[in-house]
PDB file of all heavy atoms in Angstrom:
ATOM      1  N   PRO A   1    -230.162 -48.569 -33.575  1.00  0.00           N
ATOM      2  CA  PRO A   1    -229.811 -47.203 -33.217  1.00  0.00           C
ATOM      3  C   PRO A   1    -228.534 -46.764 -33.827  1.00  0.00           C
ATOM      4  O   PRO A   1    -228.271 -45.619 -34.259  1.00  0.00           O
ATOM      5  CB  PRO A   1    -229.871 -47.021 -31.849  1.00  0.00           C
ATOM      6  CG  PRO A   1    -229.612 -48.485 -31.391  1.00  0.00           C
ATOM      7  CD  PRO A   1    -230.260 -49.395 -32.333  1.00  0.00           C
ATOM      8  N   ASP A   2    -227.638 -47.781 -33.981  1.00  0.00           N
ATOM      9  CA  ASP A   2    -226.236 -47.449 -34.537  1.00  0.00           C
ATOM     10  C   ASP A   2    -226.387 -47.035 -35.983  1.00  0.00           C
ATOM     11  O   ASP A   2    -225.630 -46.148 -36.461  1.00  0.00           O
ATOM     12  CB  ASP A   2    -225.356 -48.573 -34.388  1.00  0.00           C
ATOM     13  CG  ASP A   2    -225.931 -49.894 -34.967  1.00  0.00           C
ATOM     14  OD1 ASP A   2    -227.084 -50.116 -34.887  1.00  0.00           O
ATOM     15  OD2 ASP A   2    -225.116 -50.737 -35.483  1.00  0.00           O
ATOM     16  N   VAL A   3    -227.319 -47.717 -36.738  1.00  0.00           N
ATOM     17  CA  VAL A   3    -227.426 -47.358 -38.180  1.00  0.00           C
ATOM     18  C   VAL A   3    -228.074 -45.976 -38.352  1.00  0.00           C
ATOM     19  O   VAL A   3    -227.717 -45.131 -39.120  1.00  0.00           O
ATOM     20  CB  VAL A   3    -228.400 -48.460 -38.880  1.00  0.00           C
ATOM     21  CG1 VAL A   3    -228.493 -48.082 -40.276  1.00  0.00           C
ATOM     22  CG2 VAL A   3    -227.667 -49.832 -38.689  1.00  0.00           C
ATOM     23  N   ALA A   4    -229.063 -45.612 -37.405  1.00  0.00           N
ATOM     24  CA  ALA A   4    -229.532 -44.256 -37.303  1.00  0.00           C
ATOM     25  C   ALA A   4    -228.566 -43.255 -37.053  1.00  0.00           C
ATOM     26  O   ALA A   4    -228.549 -42.137 -37.728  1.00  0.00           O
ATOM     27  CB  ALA A   4    -230.756 -44.174 -36.398  1.00  0.00           C
ATOM     28  N   GLN A   5    -227.683 -43.510 -36.165  1.00  0.00           N
ATOM     29  CA  GLN A   5    -226.547 -42.593 -35.887  1.00  0.00           C
ATOM     30  C   GLN A   5    -225.632 -42.392 -37.107  1.00  0.00           C
ATOM     31  O   GLN A   5    -225.154 -41.327 -37.389  1.00  0.00           O
ATOM     32  CB  GLN A   5    -225.766 -43.039 -34.737  1.00  0.00           C
ATOM     33  CG  GLN A   5    -226.449 -43.089 -33.372  1.00  0.00           C
ATOM     34  CD  GLN A   5    -226.654 -41.641 -32.773  1.00  0.00           C
ATOM     35  OE1 GLN A   5    -226.326 -40.668 -33.512  1.00  0.00           O
ATOM     36  NE2 GLN A   5    -227.082 -41.504 -31.638  1.00  0.00           N
ATOM     37  N   GLN A   6    -225.484 -43.456 -37.887  1.00  0.00           N
ATOM     38  CA  GLN A   6    -224.681 -43.284 -39.212  1.00  0.00           C
ATOM     39  C   GLN A   6    -225.389 -42.358 -40.058  1.00  0.00           C
ATOM     40  O   GLN A   6    -224.703 -41.538 -40.777  1.00  0.00           O
ATOM     41  CB  GLN A   6    -224.555 -44.702 -39.778  1.00  0.00           C
ATOM     42  CG  GLN A   6    -223.634 -45.712 -39.125  1.00  0.00           C
ATOM     43  CD  GLN A   6    -223.680 -47.017 -39.707  1.00  0.00           C
ATOM     44  OE1 GLN A   6    -223.678 -47.161 -40.995  1.00  0.00           O
ATOM     45  NE2 GLN A   6    -223.618 -48.073 -39.012  1.00  0.00           N
ATOM     46  N   VAL A   7    -226.659 -42.381 -40.170  1.00  0.00           N
ATOM     47  CA  VAL A   7    -227.494 -41.525 -41.078  1.00  0.00           C
ATOM     48  C   VAL A   7    -227.232 -40.081 -40.584  1.00  0.00           C
ATOM     49  O   VAL A   7    -226.927 -39.222 -41.511  1.00  0.00           O
ATOM     50  CB  VAL A   7    -228.962 -41.845 -41.008  1.00  0.00           C
ATOM     51  CG1 VAL A   7    -229.716 -40.874 -41.798  1.00  0.00           C
ATOM     52  CG2 VAL A   7    -229.133 -43.307 -41.657  1.00  0.00           C
ATOM     53  N   LEU A   8    -227.373 -39.848 -39.328  1.00  0.00           N
ATOM     54  CA  LEU A   8    -227.175 -38.479 -38.831  1.00  0.00           C
ATOM     55  C   LEU A   8    -225.715 -38.000 -38.965  1.00  0.00           C
ATOM     56  O   LEU A   8    -225.476 -36.869 -39.403  1.00  0.00           O
ATOM     57  CB  LEU A   8    -227.585 -38.386 -37.328  1.00  0.00           C
ATOM     58  CG  LEU A   8    -229.044 -38.602 -37.139  1.00  0.00           C
ATOM     59  CD1 LEU A   8    -229.383 -38.573 -35.528  1.00  0.00           C
ATOM     60  CD2 LEU A   8    -229.837 -37.502 -37.698  1.00  0.00           C
ATOM     61  N   ALA A   9    -224.756 -38.817 -38.692  1.00  0.00           N
ATOM     62  CA  ALA A   9    -223.365 -38.509 -38.860  1.00  0.00           C
ATOM     63  C   ALA A   9    -222.951 -38.089 -40.284  1.00  0.00           C
ATOM     64  O   ALA A   9    -222.055 -37.324 -40.465  1.00  0.00           O
ATOM     65  CB  ALA A   9    -222.486 -39.671 -38.301  1.00  0.00           C
ATOM     66  N   ALA A  10    -223.716 -38.597 -41.219  1.00  0.00           N
ATOM     67  CA  ALA A  10    -223.416 -38.289 -42.640  1.00  0.00           C
ATOM     68  C   ALA A  10    -224.219 -37.025 -43.045  1.00  0.00           C
ATOM     69  O   ALA A  10    -224.076 -36.623 -44.233  1.00  0.00           O
ATOM     70  CB  ALA A  10    -223.882 -39.486 -43.580  1.00  0.00           C
ATOM     71  N   GLY A  11    -224.952 -36.446 -42.192  1.00  0.00           N
ATOM     72  CA  GLY A  11    -225.511 -35.123 -42.426  1.00  0.00           C
ATOM     73  C   GLY A  11    -226.932 -35.209 -42.961  1.00  0.00           C
ATOM     74  O   GLY A  11    -227.510 -34.185 -43.498  1.00  0.00           O
ATOM     75  N   HIS A  12    -227.667 -36.360 -42.857  1.00  0.00           N
ATOM     76  CA  HIS A  12    -228.989 -36.453 -43.268  1.00  0.00           C
ATOM     77  C   HIS A  12    -229.920 -36.224 -42.125  1.00  0.00           C
ATOM     78  O   HIS A  12    -229.539 -36.055 -40.909  1.00  0.00           O
ATOM     79  CB  HIS A  12    -229.166 -37.913 -43.893  1.00  0.00           C
ATOM     80  CG  HIS A  12    -228.158 -38.154 -44.995  1.00  0.00           C
ATOM     81  ND1 HIS A  12    -228.024 -37.560 -46.158  1.00  0.00           N
ATOM     82  CD2 HIS A  12    -227.086 -39.079 -44.919  1.00  0.00           C
ATOM     83  CE1 HIS A  12    -227.072 -38.070 -46.855  1.00  0.00           C
ATOM     84  NE2 HIS A  12    -226.551 -39.000 -46.175  1.00  0.00           N
ATOM     85  N   ARG A  13    -231.226 -36.243 -42.526  1.00  0.00           N
ATOM     86  CA  ARG A  13    -232.271 -35.887 -41.500  1.00  0.00           C
ATOM     87  C   ARG A  13    -233.095 -37.165 -41.381  1.00  0.00           C
ATOM     88  O   ARG A  13    -233.424 -37.847 -42.246  1.00  0.00           O
ATOM     89  CB  ARG A  13    -233.120 -34.715 -41.956  1.00  0.00           C
ATOM     90  CG  ARG A  13    -234.142 -34.230 -40.931  1.00  0.00           C
ATOM     91  CD  ARG A  13    -234.838 -33.005 -41.390  1.00  0.00           C
ATOM     92  NE  ARG A  13    -235.753 -32.581 -40.290  1.00  0.00           N
ATOM     93  CZ  ARG A  13    -236.649 -31.532 -40.457  1.00  0.00           C
ATOM     94  NH1 ARG A  13    -236.662 -30.865 -41.587  1.00  0.00           N
ATOM     95  NH2 ARG A  13    -237.397 -31.176 -39.424  1.00  0.00           N
ATOM     96  N   LEU A  14    -233.640 -37.384 -40.097  1.00  0.00           N
ATOM     97  CA  LEU A  14    -234.521 -38.474 -39.844  1.00  0.00           C
ATOM     98  C   LEU A  14    -235.940 -37.873 -39.725  1.00  0.00           C
ATOM     99  O   LEU A  14    -236.174 -36.857 -39.183  1.00  0.00           O
ATOM    100  CB  LEU A  14    -234.160 -39.094 -38.434  1.00  0.00           C
ATOM    101  CG  LEU A  14    -232.750 -39.654 -38.387  1.00  0.00           C
ATOM    102  CD1 LEU A  14    -232.529 -40.351 -36.995  1.00  0.00           C
ATOM    103  CD2 LEU A  14    -232.464 -40.735 -39.541  1.00  0.00           C
ATOM    104  N   GLY A  15    -236.861 -38.787 -40.138  1.00  0.00           N
ATOM    105  CA  GLY A  15    -238.323 -38.452 -40.031  1.00  0.00           C
ATOM    106  C   GLY A  15    -239.064 -39.576 -39.465  1.00  0.00           C
ATOM    107  O   GLY A  15    -238.661 -40.763 -39.445  1.00  0.00           O
ATOM    108  N   ASN A  16    -240.403 -39.299 -39.139  1.00  0.00           N
ATOM    109  CA  ASN A  16    -241.269 -40.376 -38.479  1.00  0.00           C
ATOM    110  C   ASN A  16    -242.075 -41.067 -39.533  1.00  0.00           C
ATOM    111  O   ASN A  16    -242.616 -40.485 -40.382  1.00  0.00           O
ATOM    112  CB  ASN A  16    -242.152 -39.579 -37.572  1.00  0.00           C
ATOM    113  CG  ASN A  16    -242.959 -40.455 -36.614  1.00  0.00           C
ATOM    114  OD1 ASN A  16    -243.339 -41.536 -36.927  1.00  0.00           O
ATOM    115  ND2 ASN A  16    -243.115 -39.904 -35.322  1.00  0.00           N
ATOM    116  N   HIS A  17    -242.013 -42.383 -39.371  1.00  0.00           N
ATOM    117  CA  HIS A  17    -242.781 -43.249 -40.357  1.00  0.00           C
ATOM    118  C   HIS A  17    -243.702 -44.229 -39.479  1.00  0.00           C
ATOM    119  O   HIS A  17    -243.986 -45.348 -39.936  1.00  0.00           O
ATOM    120  CB  HIS A  17    -241.887 -44.108 -41.247  1.00  0.00           C
ATOM    121  CG  HIS A  17    -242.422 -44.520 -42.519  1.00  0.00           C
ATOM    122  ND1 HIS A  17    -243.254 -43.670 -43.272  1.00  0.00           N
ATOM    123  CD2 HIS A  17    -242.332 -45.701 -43.185  1.00  0.00           C
ATOM    124  CE1 HIS A  17    -243.602 -44.416 -44.379  1.00  0.00           C
ATOM    125  NE2 HIS A  17    -243.020 -45.631 -44.263  1.00  0.00           N
ATOM    126  N   THR A  18    -244.058 -43.747 -38.279  1.00  0.00           N
ATOM    127  CA  THR A  18    -244.778 -44.458 -37.239  1.00  0.00           C
ATOM    128  C   THR A  18    -243.962 -45.628 -36.662  1.00  0.00           C
ATOM    129  O   THR A  18    -242.905 -45.868 -37.258  1.00  0.00           O
ATOM    130  CB  THR A  18    -246.142 -45.025 -37.740  1.00  0.00           C
ATOM    131  OG1 THR A  18    -245.919 -46.185 -38.516  1.00  0.00           O
ATOM    132  CG2 THR A  18    -246.974 -44.029 -38.531  1.00  0.00           C
ATOM    133  N   HIS A  19    -244.322 -46.001 -35.518  1.00  0.00           N
ATOM    134  CA  HIS A  19    -243.591 -46.981 -34.824  1.00  0.00           C
ATOM    135  C   HIS A  19    -243.595 -48.461 -35.434  1.00  0.00           C
ATOM    136  O   HIS A  19    -242.684 -49.220 -35.514  1.00  0.00           O
ATOM    137  CB  HIS A  19    -243.938 -47.057 -33.216  1.00  0.00           C
ATOM    138  CG  HIS A  19    -243.023 -47.906 -32.529  1.00  0.00           C
ATOM    139  ND1 HIS A  19    -241.753 -47.401 -32.105  1.00  0.00           N
ATOM    140  CD2 HIS A  19    -243.082 -49.141 -31.978  1.00  0.00           C
ATOM    141  CE1 HIS A  19    -241.126 -48.378 -31.423  1.00  0.00           C
ATOM    142  NE2 HIS A  19    -241.934 -49.406 -31.363  1.00  0.00           N
ATOM    143  N   ARG A  20    -244.840 -48.708 -35.877  1.00  0.00           N
ATOM    144  CA  ARG A  20    -245.076 -50.138 -36.353  1.00  0.00           C
ATOM    145  C   ARG A  20    -245.503 -50.137 -37.843  1.00  0.00           C
ATOM    146  O   ARG A  20    -246.109 -51.104 -38.273  1.00  0.00           O
ATOM    147  CB  ARG A  20    -246.189 -50.843 -35.478  1.00  0.00           C
ATOM    148  CG  ARG A  20    -245.685 -51.114 -34.047  1.00  0.00           C
ATOM    149  CD  ARG A  20    -246.738 -51.691 -33.207  1.00  0.00           C
ATOM    150  NE  ARG A  20    -247.864 -50.705 -33.106  1.00  0.00           N
ATOM    151  CZ  ARG A  20    -249.122 -50.986 -32.929  1.00  0.00           C
ATOM    152  NH1 ARG A  20    -249.512 -52.275 -33.127  1.00  0.00           N
ATOM    153  NH2 ARG A  20    -250.013 -49.997 -32.776  1.00  0.00           N
ATOM    154  N   HIS A  21    -245.274 -49.003 -38.596  1.00  0.00           N
ATOM    155  CA  HIS A  21    -245.644 -48.989 -39.979  1.00  0.00           C
ATOM    156  C   HIS A  21    -247.165 -49.134 -40.172  1.00  0.00           C
ATOM    157  O   HIS A  21    -247.556 -49.987 -40.918  1.00  0.00           O
ATOM    158  CB  HIS A  21    -244.824 -49.948 -40.764  1.00  0.00           C
ATOM    159  CG  HIS A  21    -244.775 -49.656 -42.242  1.00  0.00           C
ATOM    160  ND1 HIS A  21    -245.480 -50.068 -43.231  1.00  0.00           N
ATOM    161  CD2 HIS A  21    -243.879 -48.872 -42.951  1.00  0.00           C
ATOM    162  CE1 HIS A  21    -245.292 -49.643 -44.447  1.00  0.00           C
ATOM    163  NE2 HIS A  21    -244.134 -48.791 -44.169  1.00  0.00           N
ATOM    164  N   LEU A  22    -247.999 -48.302 -39.485  1.00  0.00           N
ATOM    165  CA  LEU A  22    -249.361 -48.474 -39.496  1.00  0.00           C
ATOM    166  C   LEU A  22    -250.010 -47.815 -40.641  1.00  0.00           C
ATOM    167  O   LEU A  22    -249.507 -46.673 -41.114  1.00  0.00           O
ATOM    168  CB  LEU A  22    -249.906 -47.883 -38.246  1.00  0.00           C
ATOM    169  CG  LEU A  22    -249.570 -48.576 -36.936  1.00  0.00           C
ATOM    170  CD1 LEU A  22    -250.345 -47.909 -35.802  1.00  0.00           C
ATOM    171  CD2 LEU A  22    -249.752 -50.032 -37.015  1.00  0.00           C
ATOM    172  N   SER A  23    -251.127 -48.359 -41.145  1.00  0.00           N
ATOM    173  CA  SER A  23    -251.978 -47.735 -42.214  1.00  0.00           C
ATOM    174  C   SER A  23    -252.924 -46.759 -41.486  1.00  0.00           C
ATOM    175  O   SER A  23    -253.645 -47.316 -40.552  1.00  0.00           O
ATOM    176  CB  SER A  23    -252.694 -48.721 -43.011  1.00  0.00           C
ATOM    177  OG  SER A  23    -253.757 -48.080 -43.783  1.00  0.00           O
ATOM    178  N   GLY A  24    -252.997 -45.524 -41.844  1.00  0.00           N
ATOM    179  CA  GLY A  24    -253.862 -44.571 -41.301  1.00  0.00           C
ATOM    180  C   GLY A  24    -255.469 -44.887 -41.705  1.00  0.00           C
ATOM    181  O   GLY A  24    -256.333 -44.346 -41.170  1.00  0.00           O
ATOM    182  N   TRP A  25    -255.591 -45.771 -42.651  1.00  0.00           N
ATOM    183  CA  TRP A  25    -256.947 -46.186 -43.071  1.00  0.00           C
ATOM    184  C   TRP A  25    -257.526 -47.288 -42.255  1.00  0.00           C
ATOM    185  O   TRP A  25    -258.738 -47.415 -42.189  1.00  0.00           O
ATOM    186  CB  TRP A  25    -256.897 -46.665 -44.553  1.00  0.00           C
ATOM    187  CG  TRP A  25    -256.558 -45.599 -45.611  1.00  0.00           C
ATOM    188  CD1 TRP A  25    -256.405 -44.217 -45.298  1.00  0.00           C
ATOM    189  CD2 TRP A  25    -256.395 -45.827 -47.045  1.00  0.00           C
ATOM    190  NE1 TRP A  25    -256.163 -43.551 -46.499  1.00  0.00           N
ATOM    191  CE2 TRP A  25    -256.144 -44.540 -47.527  1.00  0.00           C
ATOM    192  CE3 TRP A  25    -256.515 -46.908 -47.825  1.00  0.00           C
ATOM    193  CZ2 TRP A  25    -255.910 -44.316 -48.870  1.00  0.00           C
ATOM    194  CZ3 TRP A  25    -256.262 -46.724 -49.145  1.00  0.00           C
ATOM    195  CH2 TRP A  25    -255.993 -45.473 -49.734  1.00  0.00           C
ATOM    196  N   ARG A  26    -256.705 -48.036 -41.608  1.00  0.00           N
ATOM    197  CA  ARG A  26    -257.043 -49.247 -40.859  1.00  0.00           C
ATOM    198  C   ARG A  26    -257.001 -49.201 -39.309  1.00  0.00           C
ATOM    199  O   ARG A  26    -257.700 -50.020 -38.700  1.00  0.00           O
ATOM    200  CB  ARG A  26    -256.182 -50.399 -41.399  1.00  0.00           C
ATOM    201  CG  ARG A  26    -256.300 -50.762 -42.887  1.00  0.00           C
ATOM    202  CD  ARG A  26    -255.466 -51.862 -43.195  1.00  0.00           C
ATOM    203  NE  ARG A  26    -255.725 -53.057 -42.433  1.00  0.00           N
ATOM    204  CZ  ARG A  26    -254.920 -54.109 -42.363  1.00  0.00           C
ATOM    205  NH1 ARG A  26    -253.711 -54.101 -43.221  1.00  0.00           N
ATOM    206  NH2 ARG A  26    -255.082 -55.162 -41.663  1.00  0.00           N
ATOM    207  N   HIS A  27    -256.328 -48.167 -38.744  1.00  0.00           N
ATOM    208  CA  HIS A  27    -256.171 -48.140 -37.403  1.00  0.00           C
ATOM    209  C   HIS A  27    -256.910 -46.941 -36.759  1.00  0.00           C
ATOM    210  O   HIS A  27    -256.790 -45.849 -37.339  1.00  0.00           O
ATOM    211  CB  HIS A  27    -254.655 -48.007 -36.938  1.00  0.00           C
ATOM    212  CG  HIS A  27    -253.974 -49.279 -37.240  1.00  0.00           C
ATOM    213  ND1 HIS A  27    -253.460 -49.650 -38.487  1.00  0.00           N
ATOM    214  CD2 HIS A  27    -253.683 -50.323 -36.525  1.00  0.00           C
ATOM    215  CE1 HIS A  27    -252.901 -50.829 -38.458  1.00  0.00           C
ATOM    216  NE2 HIS A  27    -252.961 -51.282 -37.237  1.00  0.00           N
ATOM    217  N   PRO A  28    -257.622 -47.074 -35.723  1.00  0.00           N
ATOM    218  CA  PRO A  28    -258.414 -45.983 -35.052  1.00  0.00           C
ATOM    219  C   PRO A  28    -257.444 -44.829 -34.766  1.00  0.00           C
ATOM    220  O   PRO A  28    -256.240 -45.100 -34.442  1.00  0.00           O
ATOM    221  CB  PRO A  28    -258.912 -46.629 -33.729  1.00  0.00           C
ATOM    222  CG  PRO A  28    -258.936 -48.151 -34.107  1.00  0.00           C
ATOM    223  CD  PRO A  28    -257.852 -48.338 -35.046  1.00  0.00           C
ATOM    224  N   ARG A  29    -257.924 -43.684 -34.763  1.00  0.00           N
ATOM    225  CA  ARG A  29    -257.095 -42.512 -34.658  1.00  0.00           C
ATOM    226  C   ARG A  29    -256.371 -42.507 -33.255  1.00  0.00           C
ATOM    227  O   ARG A  29    -255.106 -42.152 -33.330  1.00  0.00           O
ATOM    228  CB  ARG A  29    -257.964 -41.240 -34.733  1.00  0.00           C
ATOM    229  CG  ARG A  29    -257.168 -39.854 -34.563  1.00  0.00           C
ATOM    230  CD  ARG A  29    -257.846 -38.673 -35.022  1.00  0.00           C
ATOM    231  NE  ARG A  29    -259.158 -38.618 -34.413  1.00  0.00           N
ATOM    232  CZ  ARG A  29    -259.949 -37.500 -34.431  1.00  0.00           C
ATOM    233  NH1 ARG A  29    -259.486 -36.438 -35.076  1.00  0.00           N
ATOM    234  NH2 ARG A  29    -261.078 -37.441 -33.810  1.00  0.00           N
TER     235      ARG A  29
END
């Protein structure tokens, strides 16, 4: 979380890449 805070403190934006880096083709909805 400290690295994520560095990203925000530098003026950048965070986005969602799923919690476990899941493929939408292989996992049930």
